[in-house]
Amino acid sequence: MGPDECAECNDDHPGADPRAGLPAADHQRADAWSDQGLRAMTDVIEIGVPIDEIEARRARLERVRRFERPDRVPVVPAINYRFLVPVVGVRFKDYYADPETMLRTQILGQKWLLEHVRTDQCDIAGAWVGAWTDFQNTTEAGSLGCEVVFPDDDIPWVQGGWVRDERDLRRLERIDVVHSGLNARQV
C-alpha cells in the first residue's frame, strides 16, 4: 500500500489487518504475541502520509502560531491512549509493563491517527501526541503511596487512598514523590 492510499484505508481494504486497523505490512507484531507479550519491537514504523501533506499541516499550524489567518481552522486531536492502545493491537498489560512497548505503541497510535483521521496533526511526538511515560491519571497517587492496579485489559486505576487521619497527613511530608512509586518508573 502506497502513502497516497492511506486516506482510503479501512478494515476491508485488501492487505489490512482488520483487528488493528493498520496495514498488515506495517503491523508485523500482530502475530508476535506470547504470554510474555511482544517478542520483538525492532521493525521500522513508516508513516503512510505524503510529506507534502505533513508539511501543509505544519504550515497551517505555524500560521496560527504567528497569529496569521490560515486557510481554515486547524484541528489537532488529543486522543487518549486508552482508545489508541487497542486500535493498534497491543494489550494494556504489555503497554504498561515495558517502556519500549509503550513508546512504540504511542508511535503506532499516532501513525494510525495520521493515516486514518483527517486532521492537521503533523507530529508523532510532543505535547498531546506521544513519547512520554503514560500511567494515565495514576502517577501522582502512585508516587504518594496509593496502590495502583494494572489490569491485563484496561488502564491502571488507584485501589484507594490511605490518608485517614492527621498522622497519615504528616507521613505525606516524608514521601519522596520524585523517586518513589510511579514517578520512579518514569523514562
N, C-alpha and C. Protein backbone atom coordinates (compact mmCIF):
# COMPACT_ATOMS: atom_id res chain seq x y z
N MET A 1 0.84 -1.17 0.00
CA MET A 1 0.00 0.00 0.00
C MET A 1 0.88 1.23 0.00
N GLY A 2 0.64 2.14 -0.90
CA GLY A 2 1.44 3.36 -1.00
C GLY A 2 0.94 4.44 -0.08
N PRO A 3 1.77 5.47 0.16
CA PRO A 3 1.40 6.54 1.07
C PRO A 3 0.18 7.31 0.61
N ASP A 4 -0.04 7.41 -0.72
CA ASP A 4 -1.18 8.19 -1.19
C ASP A 4 -2.49 7.43 -1.04
N GLU A 5 -2.45 6.17 -0.62
CA GLU A 5 -3.67 5.41 -0.44
C GLU A 5 -4.16 5.42 1.00
N CYS A 6 -3.41 6.06 1.90
CA CYS A 6 -3.71 5.95 3.33
C CYS A 6 -5.08 6.49 3.68
N ALA A 7 -5.55 7.53 3.01
CA ALA A 7 -6.84 8.12 3.36
C ALA A 7 -7.98 7.18 3.01
N GLU A 8 -7.74 6.25 2.09
CA GLU A 8 -8.80 5.34 1.68
C GLU A 8 -8.76 4.02 2.45
N CYS A 9 -7.76 3.85 3.31
CA CYS A 9 -7.60 2.58 4.03
C CYS A 9 -8.71 2.41 5.06
N ASN A 10 -9.27 1.22 5.12
CA ASN A 10 -10.23 0.88 6.15
C ASN A 10 -10.12 -0.61 6.43
N ASP A 11 -10.95 -1.12 7.30
CA ASP A 11 -10.81 -2.51 7.72
C ASP A 11 -11.01 -3.52 6.61
N ASP A 12 -11.76 -3.18 5.54
CA ASP A 12 -11.96 -4.16 4.49
C ASP A 12 -11.05 -3.92 3.30
N HIS A 13 -10.06 -3.05 3.47
CA HIS A 13 -9.09 -2.79 2.41
C HIS A 13 -8.19 -4.01 2.26
N PRO A 14 -7.91 -4.46 1.03
CA PRO A 14 -7.04 -5.62 0.86
C PRO A 14 -5.68 -5.39 1.52
N GLY A 15 -5.22 -6.37 2.24
CA GLY A 15 -3.92 -6.27 2.89
C GLY A 15 -3.97 -5.61 4.25
N ALA A 16 -5.14 -5.20 4.70
CA ALA A 16 -5.23 -4.56 6.01
C ALA A 16 -5.46 -5.59 7.09
N ASP A 17 -5.00 -5.28 8.28
CA ASP A 17 -5.21 -6.13 9.44
C ASP A 17 -6.49 -5.65 10.10
N PRO A 18 -7.61 -6.35 9.95
CA PRO A 18 -8.88 -5.85 10.46
C PRO A 18 -8.91 -5.70 11.97
N ARG A 19 -8.10 -6.49 12.70
CA ARG A 19 -8.08 -6.37 14.15
C ARG A 19 -7.48 -5.06 14.58
N ALA A 20 -6.44 -4.63 13.92
CA ALA A 20 -5.72 -3.44 14.35
C ALA A 20 -6.07 -2.20 13.57
N GLY A 21 -6.68 -2.33 12.41
CA GLY A 21 -6.98 -1.17 11.60
C GLY A 21 -5.76 -0.59 10.91
N LEU A 22 -4.66 -1.35 10.86
CA LEU A 22 -3.43 -0.91 10.21
C LEU A 22 -3.09 -1.87 9.09
N PRO A 23 -2.40 -1.40 8.05
CA PRO A 23 -1.96 -2.32 7.00
C PRO A 23 -1.11 -3.44 7.60
N ALA A 24 -1.35 -4.66 7.15
CA ALA A 24 -0.64 -5.81 7.71
C ALA A 24 0.87 -5.66 7.59
N ALA A 25 1.35 -5.06 6.50
CA ALA A 25 2.79 -4.89 6.31
C ALA A 25 3.40 -3.98 7.36
N ASP A 26 2.61 -3.05 7.90
CA ASP A 26 3.11 -2.12 8.91
C ASP A 26 2.88 -2.62 10.33
N HIS A 27 2.24 -3.74 10.48
CA HIS A 27 1.91 -4.22 11.81
C HIS A 27 2.29 -5.69 11.94
N GLN A 28 3.58 -5.97 11.75
CA GLN A 28 4.05 -7.35 11.76
C GLN A 28 3.98 -7.97 13.14
N ARG A 29 3.81 -7.17 14.17
CA ARG A 29 3.75 -7.72 15.52
C ARG A 29 2.42 -8.37 15.83
N ALA A 30 1.44 -8.28 14.94
CA ALA A 30 0.12 -8.84 15.22
C ALA A 30 0.20 -10.33 15.52
N ASP A 31 1.14 -11.04 14.89
CA ASP A 31 1.28 -12.47 15.12
C ASP A 31 2.38 -12.79 16.13
N ALA A 32 2.97 -11.78 16.75
CA ALA A 32 4.11 -11.99 17.63
C ALA A 32 3.72 -12.08 19.11
N TRP A 33 2.44 -12.24 19.40
CA TRP A 33 2.01 -12.28 20.79
C TRP A 33 2.44 -13.58 21.45
N SER A 34 2.77 -13.50 22.68
CA SER A 34 3.04 -14.67 23.50
C SER A 34 2.57 -14.33 24.90
N ASP A 35 2.66 -15.27 25.82
CA ASP A 35 2.26 -14.99 27.19
C ASP A 35 3.13 -13.90 27.81
N GLN A 36 4.33 -13.73 27.31
CA GLN A 36 5.23 -12.72 27.85
C GLN A 36 5.07 -11.37 27.16
N GLY A 37 4.19 -11.26 26.19
CA GLY A 37 4.00 -10.00 25.47
C GLY A 37 4.63 -10.07 24.10
N LEU A 38 5.09 -8.96 23.63
CA LEU A 38 5.68 -8.90 22.30
C LEU A 38 7.07 -9.51 22.31
N ARG A 39 7.40 -10.26 21.27
CA ARG A 39 8.72 -10.88 21.18
C ARG A 39 9.78 -9.86 20.77
N ALA A 40 9.47 -9.05 19.78
CA ALA A 40 10.47 -8.08 19.30
C ALA A 40 9.75 -6.85 18.79
N MET A 41 10.38 -5.72 18.99
CA MET A 41 9.81 -4.47 18.51
C MET A 41 10.89 -3.71 17.76
N THR A 42 11.50 -4.37 16.80
CA THR A 42 12.63 -3.77 16.10
C THR A 42 12.29 -3.25 14.72
N ASP A 43 11.12 -3.55 14.19
CA ASP A 43 10.82 -3.11 12.84
C ASP A 43 10.59 -1.61 12.77
N VAL A 44 10.92 -1.05 11.64
CA VAL A 44 10.78 0.38 11.39
C VAL A 44 9.30 0.71 11.21
N ILE A 45 8.86 1.81 11.78
CA ILE A 45 7.48 2.26 11.63
C ILE A 45 7.47 3.36 10.58
N GLU A 46 6.81 3.10 9.48
CA GLU A 46 6.71 4.09 8.41
C GLU A 46 5.32 4.71 8.43
N ILE A 47 5.28 6.03 8.31
CA ILE A 47 4.03 6.76 8.29
C ILE A 47 3.58 6.90 6.84
N GLY A 48 2.38 6.42 6.54
CA GLY A 48 1.88 6.42 5.17
C GLY A 48 1.14 7.69 4.79
N VAL A 49 1.73 8.84 5.08
CA VAL A 49 1.15 10.12 4.69
C VAL A 49 2.23 10.85 3.89
N PRO A 50 1.89 11.34 2.70
CA PRO A 50 2.89 12.04 1.89
C PRO A 50 3.49 13.23 2.64
N ILE A 51 4.79 13.44 2.44
CA ILE A 51 5.49 14.52 3.15
C ILE A 51 4.91 15.89 2.82
N ASP A 52 4.42 16.08 1.59
CA ASP A 52 3.83 17.39 1.27
C ASP A 52 2.55 17.63 2.06
N GLU A 53 1.81 16.58 2.38
CA GLU A 53 0.62 16.71 3.23
C GLU A 53 1.03 17.07 4.66
N ILE A 54 2.06 16.41 5.18
CA ILE A 54 2.57 16.72 6.52
C ILE A 54 3.04 18.17 6.58
N GLU A 55 3.76 18.61 5.57
CA GLU A 55 4.25 19.99 5.54
C GLU A 55 3.11 20.99 5.43
N ALA A 56 2.06 20.67 4.69
CA ALA A 56 0.90 21.57 4.60
C ALA A 56 0.24 21.71 5.96
N ARG A 57 0.13 20.61 6.68
CA ARG A 57 -0.44 20.65 8.04
C ARG A 57 0.44 21.50 8.95
N ARG A 58 1.76 21.27 8.89
CA ARG A 58 2.69 22.03 9.73
C ARG A 58 2.61 23.53 9.41
N ALA A 59 2.55 23.87 8.13
CA ALA A 59 2.48 25.28 7.72
C ALA A 59 1.20 25.93 8.24
N ARG A 60 0.10 25.20 8.20
CA ARG A 60 -1.18 25.73 8.70
C ARG A 60 -1.06 26.05 10.19
N LEU A 61 -0.47 25.13 10.94
CA LEU A 61 -0.29 25.36 12.38
C LEU A 61 0.66 26.52 12.65
N GLU A 62 1.71 26.63 11.87
CA GLU A 62 2.66 27.74 12.04
C GLU A 62 1.99 29.09 11.77
N ARG A 63 1.12 29.15 10.78
CA ARG A 63 0.41 30.41 10.52
C ARG A 63 -0.42 30.82 11.74
N VAL A 64 -1.07 29.87 12.36
CA VAL A 64 -1.87 30.16 13.54
C VAL A 64 -0.98 30.60 14.70
N ARG A 65 0.17 29.94 14.87
CA ARG A 65 1.09 30.32 15.95
C ARG A 65 1.62 31.74 15.78
N ARG A 66 1.69 32.20 14.54
CA ARG A 66 2.14 33.58 14.26
C ARG A 66 0.96 34.56 14.23
N PHE A 67 -0.22 34.09 14.61
CA PHE A 67 -1.44 34.89 14.61
C PHE A 67 -1.80 35.39 13.22
N GLU A 68 -1.48 34.58 12.22
CA GLU A 68 -1.89 34.87 10.84
C GLU A 68 -3.14 34.06 10.54
N ARG A 69 -3.87 34.48 9.52
CA ARG A 69 -5.09 33.79 9.15
C ARG A 69 -4.76 32.56 8.31
N PRO A 70 -5.16 31.37 8.78
CA PRO A 70 -4.93 30.16 7.99
C PRO A 70 -6.02 30.00 6.93
N ASP A 71 -5.83 29.06 6.02
CA ASP A 71 -6.85 28.79 5.00
C ASP A 71 -8.12 28.21 5.62
N ARG A 72 -7.98 27.56 6.77
CA ARG A 72 -9.10 27.06 7.56
C ARG A 72 -8.62 26.86 8.99
N VAL A 73 -9.54 26.67 9.91
CA VAL A 73 -9.17 26.46 11.30
C VAL A 73 -8.51 25.09 11.43
N PRO A 74 -7.27 25.04 11.95
CA PRO A 74 -6.61 23.74 12.12
C PRO A 74 -7.22 22.95 13.28
N VAL A 75 -7.19 21.64 13.12
CA VAL A 75 -7.71 20.74 14.14
C VAL A 75 -6.63 19.72 14.48
N VAL A 76 -6.28 19.64 15.77
CA VAL A 76 -5.31 18.66 16.24
C VAL A 76 -5.94 17.94 17.43
N PRO A 77 -6.28 16.66 17.27
CA PRO A 77 -6.96 15.95 18.36
C PRO A 77 -6.00 15.55 19.47
N ALA A 78 -6.52 15.48 20.67
CA ALA A 78 -5.77 14.93 21.80
C ALA A 78 -6.52 13.68 22.23
N ILE A 79 -6.21 12.56 21.58
CA ILE A 79 -6.93 11.32 21.84
C ILE A 79 -6.14 10.48 22.84
N ASN A 80 -6.79 10.12 23.90
CA ASN A 80 -6.17 9.38 24.99
C ASN A 80 -5.74 7.99 24.53
N TYR A 81 -4.62 7.53 25.06
CA TYR A 81 -4.12 6.21 24.69
C TYR A 81 -5.01 5.08 25.18
N ARG A 82 -5.92 5.38 26.06
CA ARG A 82 -6.93 4.39 26.46
C ARG A 82 -7.66 3.90 25.21
N PHE A 83 -7.83 4.77 24.23
CA PHE A 83 -8.52 4.41 22.99
C PHE A 83 -7.56 3.92 21.91
N LEU A 84 -6.33 4.42 21.91
CA LEU A 84 -5.39 4.08 20.84
C LEU A 84 -4.68 2.75 21.05
N VAL A 85 -4.45 2.35 22.29
CA VAL A 85 -3.75 1.08 22.54
C VAL A 85 -4.49 -0.09 21.89
N PRO A 86 -5.79 -0.24 22.09
CA PRO A 86 -6.49 -1.35 21.42
C PRO A 86 -6.54 -1.19 19.90
N VAL A 87 -6.58 0.03 19.40
CA VAL A 87 -6.66 0.25 17.96
C VAL A 87 -5.44 -0.33 17.25
N VAL A 88 -4.27 -0.21 17.87
CA VAL A 88 -3.05 -0.71 17.21
C VAL A 88 -2.75 -2.16 17.57
N GLY A 89 -3.62 -2.80 18.35
CA GLY A 89 -3.47 -4.22 18.61
C GLY A 89 -2.50 -4.60 19.70
N VAL A 90 -2.27 -3.72 20.66
CA VAL A 90 -1.37 -4.02 21.78
C VAL A 90 -2.23 -4.21 23.02
N ARG A 91 -1.82 -5.14 23.86
CA ARG A 91 -2.55 -5.36 25.11
C ARG A 91 -2.10 -4.33 26.15
N PHE A 92 -3.05 -3.86 26.96
CA PHE A 92 -2.71 -2.92 28.03
C PHE A 92 -1.63 -3.51 28.93
N LYS A 93 -1.71 -4.79 29.21
CA LYS A 93 -0.73 -5.47 30.06
C LYS A 93 0.68 -5.24 29.52
N ASP A 94 0.86 -5.38 28.22
CA ASP A 94 2.18 -5.20 27.60
C ASP A 94 2.56 -3.72 27.53
N TYR A 95 1.59 -2.87 27.24
CA TYR A 95 1.83 -1.43 27.13
C TYR A 95 2.41 -0.86 28.42
N TYR A 96 1.84 -1.22 29.56
CA TYR A 96 2.28 -0.66 30.83
C TYR A 96 3.48 -1.39 31.44
N ALA A 97 3.82 -2.56 30.93
CA ALA A 97 4.91 -3.35 31.52
C ALA A 97 6.28 -3.02 30.96
N ASP A 98 6.36 -2.42 29.78
CA ASP A 98 7.65 -2.26 29.11
C ASP A 98 7.75 -0.89 28.45
N PRO A 99 8.78 -0.09 28.79
CA PRO A 99 8.92 1.25 28.22
C PRO A 99 9.01 1.27 26.70
N GLU A 100 9.74 0.33 26.11
CA GLU A 100 9.86 0.33 24.65
C GLU A 100 8.52 0.01 23.99
N THR A 101 7.81 -0.94 24.56
CA THR A 101 6.48 -1.26 24.03
C THR A 101 5.57 -0.05 24.14
N MET A 102 5.66 0.67 25.27
CA MET A 102 4.85 1.87 25.45
C MET A 102 5.17 2.91 24.38
N LEU A 103 6.45 3.18 24.17
CA LEU A 103 6.86 4.18 23.18
C LEU A 103 6.43 3.78 21.78
N ARG A 104 6.71 2.55 21.39
CA ARG A 104 6.36 2.11 20.03
C ARG A 104 4.85 2.08 19.84
N THR A 105 4.10 1.75 20.88
CA THR A 105 2.64 1.78 20.79
C THR A 105 2.15 3.20 20.61
N GLN A 106 2.77 4.15 21.31
CA GLN A 106 2.39 5.55 21.13
C GLN A 106 2.67 6.00 19.70
N ILE A 107 3.81 5.60 19.16
CA ILE A 107 4.13 5.97 17.77
C ILE A 107 3.14 5.32 16.81
N LEU A 108 2.81 4.04 17.03
CA LEU A 108 1.82 3.37 16.18
C LEU A 108 0.45 4.03 16.30
N GLY A 109 0.10 4.48 17.50
CA GLY A 109 -1.16 5.20 17.69
C GLY A 109 -1.19 6.50 16.91
N GLN A 110 -0.08 7.24 16.94
CA GLN A 110 -0.01 8.48 16.17
C GLN A 110 0.00 8.19 14.67
N LYS A 111 0.66 7.12 14.27
CA LYS A 111 0.64 6.69 12.86
C LYS A 111 -0.80 6.44 12.44
N TRP A 112 -1.54 5.71 13.26
CA TRP A 112 -2.93 5.40 12.93
C TRP A 112 -3.75 6.69 12.79
N LEU A 113 -3.57 7.62 13.74
CA LEU A 113 -4.29 8.90 13.66
C LEU A 113 -3.92 9.66 12.40
N LEU A 114 -2.62 9.75 12.11
CA LEU A 114 -2.17 10.48 10.92
C LEU A 114 -2.77 9.89 9.65
N GLU A 115 -2.88 8.58 9.59
CA GLU A 115 -3.32 7.91 8.37
C GLU A 115 -4.83 7.74 8.27
N HIS A 116 -5.55 7.75 9.40
CA HIS A 116 -6.96 7.42 9.36
C HIS A 116 -7.91 8.52 9.81
N VAL A 117 -7.43 9.54 10.50
CA VAL A 117 -8.28 10.62 10.97
C VAL A 117 -7.79 11.91 10.33
N ARG A 118 -8.60 12.52 9.52
CA ARG A 118 -8.20 13.70 8.75
C ARG A 118 -8.13 14.92 9.67
N THR A 119 -6.92 15.27 10.08
CA THR A 119 -6.72 16.43 10.95
C THR A 119 -5.47 17.18 10.47
N ASP A 120 -5.03 18.11 11.28
CA ASP A 120 -3.80 18.85 10.97
C ASP A 120 -2.63 18.37 11.81
N GLN A 121 -2.76 17.24 12.45
CA GLN A 121 -1.65 16.68 13.21
C GLN A 121 -0.48 16.42 12.26
N CYS A 122 0.71 16.82 12.68
CA CYS A 122 1.88 16.65 11.81
C CYS A 122 3.07 16.07 12.57
N ASP A 123 2.90 15.71 13.83
CA ASP A 123 3.98 15.16 14.65
C ASP A 123 3.55 13.83 15.25
N ILE A 124 4.53 13.01 15.60
CA ILE A 124 4.23 11.78 16.33
C ILE A 124 4.73 11.83 17.76
N ALA A 125 5.38 12.92 18.14
CA ALA A 125 5.87 13.08 19.50
C ALA A 125 5.71 14.53 19.91
N GLY A 126 5.50 14.75 21.18
CA GLY A 126 5.36 16.10 21.68
C GLY A 126 4.11 16.24 22.53
N ALA A 127 3.77 17.48 22.83
CA ALA A 127 2.61 17.74 23.68
C ALA A 127 1.34 17.17 23.05
N TRP A 128 0.64 16.38 23.80
CA TRP A 128 -0.65 15.79 23.44
C TRP A 128 -0.59 14.75 22.33
N VAL A 129 0.59 14.35 21.89
CA VAL A 129 0.63 13.33 20.85
C VAL A 129 1.31 12.04 21.27
N GLY A 130 2.43 12.06 21.90
CA GLY A 130 3.06 10.80 22.27
C GLY A 130 4.48 10.98 22.74
N ALA A 131 5.11 9.87 23.06
CA ALA A 131 6.50 9.80 23.50
C ALA A 131 6.67 10.31 24.93
N TRP A 132 5.86 9.85 25.82
CA TRP A 132 6.03 10.14 27.23
C TRP A 132 5.67 8.90 28.04
N THR A 133 6.09 8.88 29.29
CA THR A 133 5.71 7.78 30.17
C THR A 133 4.26 7.99 30.56
N ASP A 134 3.44 7.01 30.25
CA ASP A 134 1.99 7.16 30.36
C ASP A 134 1.43 6.18 31.38
N PHE A 135 1.08 6.68 32.54
CA PHE A 135 0.38 5.85 33.53
C PHE A 135 -1.01 6.42 33.78
N GLN A 136 -1.53 7.11 32.77
CA GLN A 136 -2.85 7.74 32.85
C GLN A 136 -2.89 8.67 34.06
N ASN A 137 -3.96 8.66 34.81
CA ASN A 137 -4.11 9.59 35.93
C ASN A 137 -3.72 8.98 37.27
N THR A 138 -2.77 8.04 37.24
CA THR A 138 -2.40 7.36 38.48
C THR A 138 -1.00 7.72 38.97
N THR A 139 -0.24 8.47 38.19
CA THR A 139 1.16 8.73 38.53
C THR A 139 1.31 9.38 39.90
N GLU A 140 0.58 10.45 40.13
CA GLU A 140 0.72 11.18 41.40
C GLU A 140 0.29 10.33 42.58
N ALA A 141 -0.87 9.68 42.46
CA ALA A 141 -1.36 8.85 43.56
C ALA A 141 -0.39 7.71 43.85
N GLY A 142 0.15 7.09 42.79
CA GLY A 142 1.11 6.01 42.98
C GLY A 142 2.39 6.48 43.65
N SER A 143 2.79 7.71 43.38
CA SER A 143 4.00 8.25 43.99
C SER A 143 3.76 8.75 45.41
N LEU A 144 2.51 8.90 45.78
CA LEU A 144 2.17 9.30 47.15
C LEU A 144 1.80 8.10 48.02
N GLY A 145 2.05 6.89 47.53
CA GLY A 145 1.86 5.71 48.35
C GLY A 145 0.58 4.94 48.11
N CYS A 146 -0.28 5.39 47.22
CA CYS A 146 -1.50 4.64 46.93
C CYS A 146 -1.17 3.44 46.05
N GLU A 147 -1.92 2.37 46.23
CA GLU A 147 -1.72 1.19 45.40
C GLU A 147 -2.35 1.43 44.03
N VAL A 148 -1.58 1.18 42.98
CA VAL A 148 -2.08 1.31 41.61
C VAL A 148 -2.23 -0.10 41.04
N VAL A 149 -3.40 -0.37 40.50
CA VAL A 149 -3.70 -1.68 39.93
C VAL A 149 -3.55 -1.58 38.41
N PHE A 150 -2.80 -2.52 37.83
CA PHE A 150 -2.61 -2.59 36.38
C PHE A 150 -3.32 -3.82 35.84
N PRO A 151 -4.59 -3.68 35.43
CA PRO A 151 -5.31 -4.83 34.89
C PRO A 151 -4.72 -5.27 33.55
N ASP A 152 -4.94 -6.53 33.19
CA ASP A 152 -4.44 -7.03 31.92
C ASP A 152 -5.10 -6.36 30.72
N ASP A 153 -6.35 -5.92 30.88
CA ASP A 153 -7.13 -5.47 29.72
C ASP A 153 -7.72 -4.07 29.87
N ASP A 154 -7.09 -3.22 30.67
CA ASP A 154 -7.61 -1.86 30.85
C ASP A 154 -6.51 -0.97 31.39
N ILE A 155 -6.82 0.32 31.50
CA ILE A 155 -5.85 1.28 32.03
C ILE A 155 -5.71 1.10 33.54
N PRO A 156 -4.61 1.60 34.12
CA PRO A 156 -4.44 1.45 35.57
C PRO A 156 -5.44 2.30 36.34
N TRP A 157 -5.69 1.88 37.55
CA TRP A 157 -6.58 2.63 38.43
C TRP A 157 -6.05 2.55 39.86
N VAL A 158 -6.46 3.52 40.67
CA VAL A 158 -5.98 3.62 42.05
C VAL A 158 -6.89 2.79 42.95
N GLN A 159 -6.27 1.89 43.72
CA GLN A 159 -7.01 0.97 44.60
C GLN A 159 -7.75 1.72 45.70
N GLY A 160 -7.20 2.80 46.16
CA GLY A 160 -7.84 3.56 47.23
C GLY A 160 -6.82 4.43 47.93
N GLY A 161 -7.30 5.42 48.60
CA GLY A 161 -6.42 6.31 49.34
C GLY A 161 -6.02 5.71 50.67
N TRP A 162 -5.01 6.27 51.28
CA TRP A 162 -4.55 5.76 52.57
C TRP A 162 -4.55 6.84 53.64
N VAL A 163 -4.80 8.09 53.28
CA VAL A 163 -4.81 9.17 54.26
C VAL A 163 -6.15 9.14 54.99
N ARG A 164 -6.08 8.81 56.28
CA ARG A 164 -7.31 8.67 57.07
C ARG A 164 -7.37 9.66 58.25
N ASP A 165 -6.19 10.09 58.72
CA ASP A 165 -6.19 10.98 59.87
C ASP A 165 -4.96 11.89 59.82
N GLU A 166 -4.80 12.68 60.87
CA GLU A 166 -3.71 13.66 60.96
C GLU A 166 -2.33 13.00 60.87
N ARG A 167 -2.18 11.83 61.46
CA ARG A 167 -0.90 11.11 61.41
C ARG A 167 -0.52 10.78 59.97
N ASP A 168 -1.50 10.32 59.20
CA ASP A 168 -1.24 10.00 57.79
C ASP A 168 -0.83 11.24 57.01
N LEU A 169 -1.44 12.37 57.33
CA LEU A 169 -1.07 13.62 56.65
C LEU A 169 0.39 13.97 56.93
N ARG A 170 0.85 13.74 58.15
CA ARG A 170 2.25 14.03 58.48
C ARG A 170 3.20 13.11 57.71
N ARG A 171 2.77 11.89 57.43
CA ARG A 171 3.60 10.96 56.64
C ARG A 171 3.80 11.48 55.22
N LEU A 172 2.85 12.23 54.71
CA LEU A 172 2.98 12.78 53.35
C LEU A 172 4.23 13.63 53.20
N GLU A 173 4.59 14.36 54.26
CA GLU A 173 5.76 15.23 54.19
C GLU A 173 7.05 14.46 53.99
N ARG A 174 7.10 13.21 54.40
CA ARG A 174 8.33 12.41 54.30
C ARG A 174 8.43 11.64 52.98
N ILE A 175 7.40 11.65 52.17
CA ILE A 175 7.41 10.87 50.93
C ILE A 175 8.22 11.60 49.86
N ASP A 176 9.14 10.89 49.26
CA ASP A 176 9.93 11.42 48.14
C ASP A 176 9.15 11.12 46.86
N VAL A 177 8.30 12.04 46.44
CA VAL A 177 7.41 11.78 45.30
C VAL A 177 8.17 11.69 43.98
N VAL A 178 9.37 12.24 43.92
CA VAL A 178 10.15 12.19 42.69
C VAL A 178 10.77 10.81 42.47
N HIS A 179 11.23 10.19 43.55
CA HIS A 179 11.98 8.94 43.44
C HIS A 179 11.21 7.72 43.96
N SER A 180 9.91 7.83 44.11
CA SER A 180 9.14 6.69 44.61
C SER A 180 7.92 6.46 43.72
N GLY A 181 7.32 5.31 43.89
CA GLY A 181 6.10 4.98 43.16
C GLY A 181 6.28 5.04 41.65
N LEU A 182 5.25 5.48 40.96
CA LEU A 182 5.29 5.53 39.50
C LEU A 182 6.25 6.59 38.97
N ASN A 183 6.48 7.66 39.72
CA ASN A 183 7.46 8.64 39.26
C ASN A 183 8.85 8.02 39.13
N ALA A 184 9.16 7.05 39.98
CA ALA A 184 10.46 6.38 39.89
C ALA A 184 10.57 5.55 38.61
N ARG A 185 9.45 5.21 38.01
CA ARG A 185 9.45 4.42 36.77
C ARG A 185 9.43 5.28 35.52
N GLN A 186 9.40 6.60 35.68
CA GLN A 186 9.37 7.49 34.51
C GLN A 186 10.62 7.28 33.68
N VAL A 187 10.45 7.30 32.38
CA VAL A 187 11.58 7.11 31.47
C VAL A 187 12.26 8.45 31.24
